[in-house]
Amino acid sequence: MIASSKKKFVIALDTALLIIFILLLSPRMTGLALHEILGLIFFIPIIVHLPIAWPWIQSVTKKFLKKASRHTRFIFFLNTKVCFVQEL
């Protein structure tokens, strides 16, 4: 993928994620059945998005952790662990 087509793809993917996320916020608006289907569909673009964004995630995290205090790094570590444990 050339840079401009990759950028367009990422923008389209982010837009789709935003729209699905907004629809998921209100099950009354979509109905329970569509809400559950969108919840399952939401997983697919997330799996595609994470590898694309991984270099950015790493660089931002490294910069943040270099400047953060020991307490902030500890809280960041705990929040990350809690997030991943809840997903299991």
PDB file of N, CA and C in Angstrom:
ATOM      1  N   MET A   1       0.840  -1.185   0.000  1.00  0.00           N
ATOM      2  CA  MET A   1       0.000   0.000   0.000  1.00  0.00           C
ATOM      3  C   MET A   1       0.881   1.242   0.000  1.00  0.00           C
ATOM      4  N   ILE A   2       0.619   2.157  -0.890  1.00  0.00           N
ATOM      5  CA  ILE A   2       1.372   3.405  -0.856  1.00  0.00           C
ATOM      6  C   ILE A   2       0.849   4.272   0.278  1.00  0.00           C
ATOM      7  N   ALA A   3       1.609   5.259   0.653  1.00  0.00           N
ATOM      8  CA  ALA A   3       1.304   6.050   1.846  1.00  0.00           C
ATOM      9  C   ALA A   3      -0.074   6.691   1.795  1.00  0.00           C
ATOM     10  N   SER A   4      -0.443   7.263   0.656  1.00  0.00           N
ATOM     11  CA  SER A   4      -1.730   7.954   0.616  1.00  0.00           C
ATOM     12  C   SER A   4      -2.893   6.969   0.670  1.00  0.00           C
ATOM     13  N   SER A   5      -2.768   5.809   0.035  1.00  0.00           N
ATOM     14  CA  SER A   5      -3.859   4.832   0.099  1.00  0.00           C
ATOM     15  C   SER A   5      -3.945   4.214   1.490  1.00  0.00           C
ATOM     16  N   LYS A   6      -2.790   4.049   2.159  1.00  0.00           N
ATOM     17  CA  LYS A   6      -2.806   3.548   3.532  1.00  0.00           C
ATOM     18  C   LYS A   6      -3.480   4.555   4.450  1.00  0.00           C
ATOM     19  N   LYS A   7      -3.171   5.825   4.233  1.00  0.00           N
ATOM     20  CA  LYS A   7      -3.778   6.879   5.051  1.00  0.00           C
ATOM     21  C   LYS A   7      -5.294   6.906   4.854  1.00  0.00           C
ATOM     22  N   LYS A   8      -5.748   6.772   3.611  1.00  0.00           N
ATOM     23  CA  LYS A   8      -7.187   6.742   3.331  1.00  0.00           C
ATOM     24  C   LYS A   8      -7.844   5.533   3.989  1.00  0.00           C
ATOM     25  N   PHE A   9      -7.145   4.387   3.943  1.00  0.00           N
ATOM     26  CA  PHE A   9      -7.678   3.173   4.565  1.00  0.00           C
ATOM     27  C   PHE A   9      -7.824   3.355   6.074  1.00  0.00           C
ATOM     28  N   VAL A  10      -6.795   3.931   6.706  1.00  0.00           N
ATOM     29  CA  VAL A  10      -6.837   4.145   8.153  1.00  0.00           C
ATOM     30  C   VAL A  10      -7.955   5.121   8.522  1.00  0.00           C
ATOM     31  N   ILE A  11      -8.134   6.161   7.734  1.00  0.00           N
ATOM     32  CA  ILE A  11      -9.216   7.114   8.005  1.00  0.00           C
ATOM     33  C   ILE A  11     -10.573   6.434   7.855  1.00  0.00           C
ATOM     34  N   ALA A  12     -10.739   5.628   6.819  1.00  0.00           N
ATOM     35  CA  ALA A  12     -11.998   4.898   6.629  1.00  0.00           C
ATOM     36  C   ALA A  12     -12.235   3.914   7.776  1.00  0.00           C
ATOM     37  N   LEU A  13     -11.181   3.225   8.201  1.00  0.00           N
ATOM     38  CA  LEU A  13     -11.295   2.272   9.307  1.00  0.00           C
ATOM     39  C   LEU A  13     -11.664   2.983  10.605  1.00  0.00           C
ATOM     40  N   ASP A  14     -10.994   4.099  10.889  1.00  0.00           N
ATOM     41  CA  ASP A  14     -11.301   4.874  12.096  1.00  0.00           C
ATOM     42  C   ASP A  14     -12.726   5.417  12.058  1.00  0.00           C
ATOM     43  N   THR A  15     -13.164   5.839  10.895  1.00  0.00           N
ATOM     44  CA  THR A  15     -14.539   6.334  10.752  1.00  0.00           C
ATOM     45  C   THR A  15     -15.540   5.218  11.013  1.00  0.00           C
ATOM     46  N   ALA A  16     -15.274   4.040  10.460  1.00  0.00           N
ATOM     47  CA  ALA A  16     -16.166   2.894  10.699  1.00  0.00           C
ATOM     48  C   ALA A  16     -16.195   2.532  12.178  1.00  0.00           C
ATOM     49  N   LEU A  17     -15.035   2.539  12.830  1.00  0.00           N
ATOM     50  CA  LEU A  17     -14.989   2.247  14.262  1.00  0.00           C
ATOM     51  C   LEU A  17     -15.787   3.269  15.068  1.00  0.00           C
ATOM     52  N   LEU A  18     -15.648   4.536  14.709  1.00  0.00           N
ATOM     53  CA  LEU A  18     -16.384   5.580  15.414  1.00  0.00           C
ATOM     54  C   LEU A  18     -17.886   5.413  15.253  1.00  0.00           C
ATOM     55  N   ILE A  19     -18.333   5.144  14.040  1.00  0.00           N
ATOM     56  CA  ILE A  19     -19.769   4.983  13.782  1.00  0.00           C
ATOM     57  C   ILE A  19     -20.321   3.777  14.538  1.00  0.00           C
ATOM     58  N   ILE A  20     -19.605   2.659  14.463  1.00  0.00           N
ATOM     59  CA  ILE A  20     -20.063   1.458  15.177  1.00  0.00           C
ATOM     60  C   ILE A  20     -20.079   1.714  16.677  1.00  0.00           C
ATOM     61  N   PHE A  21     -19.048   2.385  17.187  1.00  0.00           N
ATOM     62  CA  PHE A  21     -18.984   2.679  18.611  1.00  0.00           C
ATOM     63  C   PHE A  21     -20.158   3.545  19.056  1.00  0.00           C
ATOM     64  N   ILE A  22     -20.472   4.570  18.282  1.00  0.00           N
ATOM     65  CA  ILE A  22     -21.601   5.454  18.620  1.00  0.00           C
ATOM     66  C   ILE A  22     -22.903   4.667  18.612  1.00  0.00           C
ATOM     67  N   LEU A  23     -23.079   3.810  17.620  1.00  0.00           N
ATOM     68  CA  LEU A  23     -24.296   2.991  17.568  1.00  0.00           C
ATOM     69  C   LEU A  23     -24.370   2.022  18.744  1.00  0.00           C
ATOM     70  N   LEU A  24     -23.232   1.531  19.181  1.00  0.00           N
ATOM     71  CA  LEU A  24     -23.215   0.602  20.313  1.00  0.00           C
ATOM     72  C   LEU A  24     -23.545   1.281  21.639  1.00  0.00           C
ATOM     73  N   LEU A  25     -23.401   2.593  21.707  1.00  0.00           N
ATOM     74  CA  LEU A  25     -23.682   3.301  22.953  1.00  0.00           C
ATOM     75  C   LEU A  25     -25.163   3.299  23.312  1.00  0.00           C
ATOM     76  N   SER A  26     -26.018   3.130  22.327  1.00  0.00           N
ATOM     77  CA  SER A  26     -27.453   3.188  22.594  1.00  0.00           C
ATOM     78  C   SER A  26     -28.174   1.971  22.009  1.00  0.00           C
ATOM     79  N   PRO A  27     -28.312   0.914  22.804  1.00  0.00           N
ATOM     80  CA  PRO A  27     -29.036  -0.266  22.305  1.00  0.00           C
ATOM     81  C   PRO A  27     -30.501   0.040  21.966  1.00  0.00           C
ATOM     82  N   ARG A  28     -31.069   1.052  22.612  1.00  0.00           N
ATOM     83  CA  ARG A  28     -32.457   1.400  22.295  1.00  0.00           C
ATOM     84  C   ARG A  28     -32.585   1.939  20.875  1.00  0.00           C
ATOM     85  N   MET A  29     -31.536   2.620  20.400  1.00  0.00           N
ATOM     86  CA  MET A  29     -31.581   3.199  19.067  1.00  0.00           C
ATOM     87  C   MET A  29     -31.484   2.111  17.996  1.00  0.00           C
ATOM     88  N   THR A  30     -30.692   1.080  18.248  1.00  0.00           N
ATOM     89  CA  THR A  30     -30.469   0.054  17.232  1.00  0.00           C
ATOM     90  C   THR A  30     -31.320  -1.188  17.443  1.00  0.00           C
ATOM     91  N   GLY A  31     -31.811  -1.381  18.626  1.00  0.00           N
ATOM     92  CA  GLY A  31     -32.485  -2.635  18.956  1.00  0.00           C
ATOM     93  C   GLY A  31     -31.448  -3.611  19.485  1.00  0.00           C
ATOM     94  N   LEU A  32     -31.887  -4.521  20.328  1.00  0.00           N
ATOM     95  CA  LEU A  32     -30.951  -5.418  20.995  1.00  0.00           C
ATOM     96  C   LEU A  32     -30.239  -6.353  20.018  1.00  0.00           C
ATOM     97  N   ALA A  33     -30.971  -6.879  19.040  1.00  0.00           N
ATOM     98  CA  ALA A  33     -30.360  -7.815  18.087  1.00  0.00           C
ATOM     99  C   ALA A  33     -29.244  -7.132  17.290  1.00  0.00           C
ATOM    100  N   LEU A  34     -29.508  -5.956  16.746  1.00  0.00           N
ATOM    101  CA  LEU A  34     -28.487  -5.231  15.977  1.00  0.00           C
ATOM    102  C   LEU A  34     -27.341  -4.797  16.885  1.00  0.00           C
ATOM    103  N   HIS A  35     -27.656  -4.439  18.119  1.00  0.00           N
ATOM    104  CA  HIS A  35     -26.641  -4.058  19.086  1.00  0.00           C
ATOM    105  C   HIS A  35     -25.649  -5.210  19.302  1.00  0.00           C
ATOM    106  N   GLU A  36     -26.163  -6.419  19.444  1.00  0.00           N
ATOM    107  CA  GLU A  36     -25.305  -7.580  19.656  1.00  0.00           C
ATOM    108  C   GLU A  36     -24.484  -7.900  18.412  1.00  0.00           C
ATOM    109  N   ILE A  37     -25.089  -7.768  17.236  1.00  0.00           N
ATOM    110  CA  ILE A  37     -24.372  -8.022  15.988  1.00  0.00           C
ATOM    111  C   ILE A  37     -23.264  -6.987  15.803  1.00  0.00           C
ATOM    112  N   LEU A  38     -23.574  -5.718  16.041  1.00  0.00           N
ATOM    113  CA  LEU A  38     -22.560  -4.667  15.927  1.00  0.00           C
ATOM    114  C   LEU A  38     -21.424  -4.875  16.921  1.00  0.00           C
ATOM    115  N   GLY A  39     -21.763  -5.375  18.101  1.00  0.00           N
ATOM    116  CA  GLY A  39     -20.734  -5.678  19.091  1.00  0.00           C
ATOM    117  C   GLY A  39     -19.750  -6.713  18.584  1.00  0.00           C
ATOM    118  N   LEU A  40     -20.253  -7.715  17.893  1.00  0.00           N
ATOM    119  CA  LEU A  40     -19.379  -8.735  17.306  1.00  0.00           C
ATOM    120  C   LEU A  40     -18.593  -8.179  16.121  1.00  0.00           C
ATOM    121  N   ILE A  41     -19.254  -7.377  15.297  1.00  0.00           N
ATOM    122  CA  ILE A  41     -18.595  -6.787  14.131  1.00  0.00           C
ATOM    123  C   ILE A  41     -17.509  -5.805  14.566  1.00  0.00           C
ATOM    124  N   PHE A  42     -17.705  -5.114  15.668  1.00  0.00           N
ATOM    125  CA  PHE A  42     -16.752  -4.124  16.178  1.00  0.00           C
ATOM    126  C   PHE A  42     -15.374  -4.746  16.408  1.00  0.00           C
ATOM    127  N   PHE A  43     -15.347  -6.032  16.731  1.00  0.00           N
ATOM    128  CA  PHE A  43     -14.104  -6.734  17.022  1.00  0.00           C
ATOM    129  C   PHE A  43     -13.195  -6.812  15.793  1.00  0.00           C
ATOM    130  N   ILE A  44     -13.763  -6.968  14.604  1.00  0.00           N
ATOM    131  CA  ILE A  44     -12.983  -7.151  13.368  1.00  0.00           C
ATOM    132  C   ILE A  44     -12.128  -5.920  13.038  1.00  0.00           C
ATOM    133  N   PRO A  45     -12.718  -4.715  12.954  1.00  0.00           N
ATOM    134  CA  PRO A  45     -11.863  -3.561  12.655  1.00  0.00           C
ATOM    135  C   PRO A  45     -10.836  -3.254  13.752  1.00  0.00           C
ATOM    136  N   ILE A  46     -11.144  -3.619  14.985  1.00  0.00           N
ATOM    137  CA  ILE A  46     -10.176  -3.424  16.069  1.00  0.00           C
ATOM    138  C   ILE A  46      -8.948  -4.295  15.814  1.00  0.00           C
ATOM    139  N   ILE A  47      -9.173  -5.548  15.414  1.00  0.00           N
ATOM    140  CA  ILE A  47      -8.070  -6.467  15.144  1.00  0.00           C
ATOM    141  C   ILE A  47      -7.241  -5.971  13.957  1.00  0.00           C
ATOM    142  N   VAL A  48      -7.874  -5.350  12.970  1.00  0.00           N
ATOM    143  CA  VAL A  48      -7.156  -4.797  11.821  1.00  0.00           C
ATOM    144  C   VAL A  48      -6.417  -3.517  12.226  1.00  0.00           C
ATOM    145  N   HIS A  49      -7.044  -2.714  13.070  1.00  0.00           N
ATOM    146  CA  HIS A  49      -6.506  -1.405  13.439  1.00  0.00           C
ATOM    147  C   HIS A  49      -5.266  -1.506  14.334  1.00  0.00           C
ATOM    148  N   LEU A  50      -5.253  -2.423  15.278  1.00  0.00           N
ATOM    149  CA  LEU A  50      -4.152  -2.502  16.233  1.00  0.00           C
ATOM    150  C   LEU A  50      -2.785  -2.741  15.585  1.00  0.00           C
ATOM    151  N   PRO A  51      -2.638  -3.686  14.662  1.00  0.00           N
ATOM    152  CA  PRO A  51      -1.309  -3.844  14.041  1.00  0.00           C
ATOM    153  C   PRO A  51      -0.876  -2.625  13.224  1.00  0.00           C
ATOM    154  N   ILE A  52      -1.835  -1.952  12.606  1.00  0.00           N
ATOM    155  CA  ILE A  52      -1.504  -0.753  11.833  1.00  0.00           C
ATOM    156  C   ILE A  52      -1.018   0.362  12.764  1.00  0.00           C
ATOM    157  N   ALA A  53      -1.666   0.495  13.917  1.00  0.00           N
ATOM    158  CA  ALA A  53      -1.350   1.575  14.851  1.00  0.00           C
ATOM    159  C   ALA A  53      -0.267   1.199  15.859  1.00  0.00           C
ATOM    160  N   TRP A  54       0.209  -0.042  15.832  1.00  0.00           N
ATOM    161  CA  TRP A  54       1.133  -0.497  16.867  1.00  0.00           C
ATOM    162  C   TRP A  54       2.408   0.335  16.981  1.00  0.00           C
ATOM    163  N   PRO A  55       3.069   0.735  15.880  1.00  0.00           N
ATOM    164  CA  PRO A  55       4.260   1.590  16.036  1.00  0.00           C
ATOM    165  C   PRO A  55       3.953   2.911  16.754  1.00  0.00           C
ATOM    166  N   TRP A  56       2.818   3.491  16.464  1.00  0.00           N
ATOM    167  CA  TRP A  56       2.421   4.736  17.134  1.00  0.00           C
ATOM    168  C   TRP A  56       2.159   4.476  18.616  1.00  0.00           C
ATOM    169  N   ILE A  57       1.463   3.391  18.933  1.00  0.00           N
ATOM    170  CA  ILE A  57       1.163   3.049  20.328  1.00  0.00           C
ATOM    171  C   ILE A  57       2.458   2.872  21.110  1.00  0.00           C
ATOM    172  N   GLN A  58       3.429   2.174  20.520  1.00  0.00           N
ATOM    173  CA  GLN A  58       4.709   1.954  21.190  1.00  0.00           C
ATOM    174  C   GLN A  58       5.457   3.268  21.432  1.00  0.00           C
ATOM    175  N   SER A  59       5.515   4.114  20.425  1.00  0.00           N
ATOM    176  CA  SER A  59       6.284   5.357  20.585  1.00  0.00           C
ATOM    177  C   SER A  59       5.643   6.285  21.608  1.00  0.00           C
ATOM    178  N   VAL A  60       4.342   6.394  21.588  1.00  0.00           N
ATOM    179  CA  VAL A  60       3.653   7.264  22.552  1.00  0.00           C
ATOM    180  C   VAL A  60       3.816   6.722  23.971  1.00  0.00           C
ATOM    181  N   THR A  61       3.708   5.402  24.119  1.00  0.00           N
ATOM    182  CA  THR A  61       3.856   4.797  25.438  1.00  0.00           C
ATOM    183  C   THR A  61       5.276   5.008  25.973  1.00  0.00           C
ATOM    184  N   LYS A  62       6.278   4.825  25.120  1.00  0.00           N
ATOM    185  CA  LYS A  62       7.663   5.029  25.559  1.00  0.00           C
ATOM    186  C   LYS A  62       7.900   6.475  25.988  1.00  0.00           C
ATOM    187  N   LYS A  63       7.409   7.424  25.196  1.00  0.00           N
ATOM    188  CA  LYS A  63       7.573   8.838  25.543  1.00  0.00           C
ATOM    189  C   LYS A  63       6.865   9.158  26.859  1.00  0.00           C
ATOM    190  N   PHE A  64       5.663   8.627  27.029  1.00  0.00           N
ATOM    191  CA  PHE A  64       4.896   8.870  28.244  1.00  0.00           C
ATOM    192  C   PHE A  64       5.618   8.307  29.458  1.00  0.00           C
ATOM    193  N   LEU A  65       6.091   7.069  29.348  1.00  0.00           N
ATOM    194  CA  LEU A  65       6.718   6.424  30.497  1.00  0.00           C
ATOM    195  C   LEU A  65       8.067   7.044  30.849  1.00  0.00           C
ATOM    196  N   LYS A  66       8.774   7.623  29.880  1.00  0.00           N
ATOM    197  CA  LYS A  66      10.038   8.293  30.178  1.00  0.00           C
ATOM    198  C   LYS A  66       9.813   9.528  31.036  1.00  0.00           C
ATOM    199  N   LYS A  67       8.744  10.251  30.765  1.00  0.00           N
ATOM    200  CA  LYS A  67       8.485  11.515  31.453  1.00  0.00           C
ATOM    201  C   LYS A  67       7.662  11.344  32.728  1.00  0.00           C
ATOM    202  N   ALA A  68       7.033  10.202  32.896  1.00  0.00           N
ATOM    203  CA  ALA A  68       6.115  10.008  34.015  1.00  0.00           C
ATOM    204  C   ALA A  68       6.865   9.693  35.310  1.00  0.00           C
ATOM    205  N   SER A  69       6.224  10.023  36.403  1.00  0.00           N
ATOM    206  CA  SER A  69       6.797   9.702  37.713  1.00  0.00           C
ATOM    207  C   SER A  69       6.643   8.199  37.983  1.00  0.00           C
ATOM    208  N   ARG A  70       7.298   7.735  39.013  1.00  0.00           N
ATOM    209  CA  ARG A  70       7.212   6.316  39.382  1.00  0.00           C
ATOM    210  C   ARG A  70       5.767   5.930  39.711  1.00  0.00           C
ATOM    211  N   HIS A  71       5.083   6.781  40.432  1.00  0.00           N
ATOM    212  CA  HIS A  71       3.687   6.517  40.787  1.00  0.00           C
ATOM    213  C   HIS A  71       2.805   6.420  39.534  1.00  0.00           C
ATOM    214  N   THR A  72       2.993   7.337  38.599  1.00  0.00           N
ATOM    215  CA  THR A  72       2.194   7.330  37.366  1.00  0.00           C
ATOM    216  C   THR A  72       2.480   6.084  36.542  1.00  0.00           C
ATOM    217  N   ARG A  73       3.742   5.678  36.477  1.00  0.00           N
ATOM    218  CA  ARG A  73       4.084   4.447  35.746  1.00  0.00           C
ATOM    219  C   ARG A  73       3.438   3.228  36.405  1.00  0.00           C
ATOM    220  N   PHE A  74       3.421   3.204  37.728  1.00  0.00           N
ATOM    221  CA  PHE A  74       2.794   2.089  38.449  1.00  0.00           C
ATOM    222  C   PHE A  74       1.291   2.033  38.170  1.00  0.00           C
ATOM    223  N   ILE A  75       0.639   3.173  38.222  1.00  0.00           N
ATOM    224  CA  ILE A  75      -0.796   3.228  37.937  1.00  0.00           C
ATOM    225  C   ILE A  75      -1.067   2.809  36.490  1.00  0.00           C
ATOM    226  N   PHE A  76      -0.239   3.259  35.555  1.00  0.00           N
ATOM    227  CA  PHE A  76      -0.362   2.871  34.149  1.00  0.00           C
ATOM    228  C   PHE A  76      -0.247   1.348  34.015  1.00  0.00           C
ATOM    229  N   PHE A  77       0.733   0.772  34.690  1.00  0.00           N
ATOM    230  CA  PHE A  77       0.927  -0.674  34.657  1.00  0.00           C
ATOM    231  C   PHE A  77      -0.296  -1.400  35.204  1.00  0.00           C
ATOM    232  N   LEU A  78      -0.820  -0.956  36.341  1.00  0.00           N
ATOM    233  CA  LEU A  78      -2.007  -1.590  36.927  1.00  0.00           C
ATOM    234  C   LEU A  78      -3.219  -1.474  36.009  1.00  0.00           C
ATOM    235  N   ASN A  79      -3.444  -0.302  35.446  1.00  0.00           N
ATOM    236  CA  ASN A  79      -4.582  -0.115  34.547  1.00  0.00           C
ATOM    237  C   ASN A  79      -4.470  -1.002  33.318  1.00  0.00           C
ATOM    238  N   THR A  80      -3.265  -1.139  32.787  1.00  0.00           N
ATOM    239  CA  THR A  80      -3.055  -2.002  31.619  1.00  0.00           C
ATOM    240  C   THR A  80      -3.356  -3.447  31.981  1.00  0.00           C
ATOM    241  N   LYS A  81      -2.880  -3.896  33.106  1.00  0.00           N
ATOM    242  CA  LYS A  81      -3.131  -5.285  33.541  1.00  0.00           C
ATOM    243  C   LYS A  81      -4.626  -5.521  33.770  1.00  0.00           C
ATOM    244  N   VAL A  82      -5.284  -4.579  34.420  1.00  0.00           N
ATOM    245  CA  VAL A  82      -6.724  -4.718  34.670  1.00  0.00           C
ATOM    246  C   VAL A  82      -7.494  -4.785  33.354  1.00  0.00           C
ATOM    247  N   CYS A  83      -7.098  -3.962  32.402  1.00  0.00           N
ATOM    248  CA  CYS A  83      -7.756  -3.952  31.100  1.00  0.00           C
ATOM    249  C   CYS A  83      -7.643  -5.316  30.427  1.00  0.00           C
ATOM    250  N   PHE A  84      -6.452  -5.891  30.418  1.00  0.00           N
ATOM    251  CA  PHE A  84      -6.258  -7.171  29.747  1.00  0.00           C
ATOM    252  C   PHE A  84      -6.890  -8.324  30.510  1.00  0.00           C
ATOM    253  N   VAL A  85      -6.902  -8.264  31.839  1.00  0.00           N
ATOM    254  CA  VAL A  85      -7.525  -9.318  32.636  1.00  0.00           C
ATOM    255  C   VAL A  85      -9.037  -9.315  32.427  1.00  0.00           C
ATOM    256  N   GLN A  86      -9.647  -8.128  32.320  1.00  0.00           N
ATOM    257  CA  GLN A  86     -11.084  -8.035  32.103  1.00  0.00           C
ATOM    258  C   GLN A  86     -11.474  -8.590  30.750  1.00  0.00           C
ATOM    259  N   GLU A  87     -10.597  -8.491  29.770  1.00  0.00           N
ATOM    260  CA  GLU A  87     -10.904  -8.992  28.420  1.00  0.00           C
ATOM    261  C   GLU A  87     -10.896 -10.505  28.367  1.00  0.00           C
ATOM    262  N   LEU A  88     -10.234 -11.161  29.321  1.00  0.00           N
ATOM    263  CA  LEU A  88     -10.206 -12.617  29.337  1.00  0.00           C
ATOM    264  C   LEU A  88     -11.491 -13.090  29.881  1.00  0.00           C
TER     265      LEU A  88
END
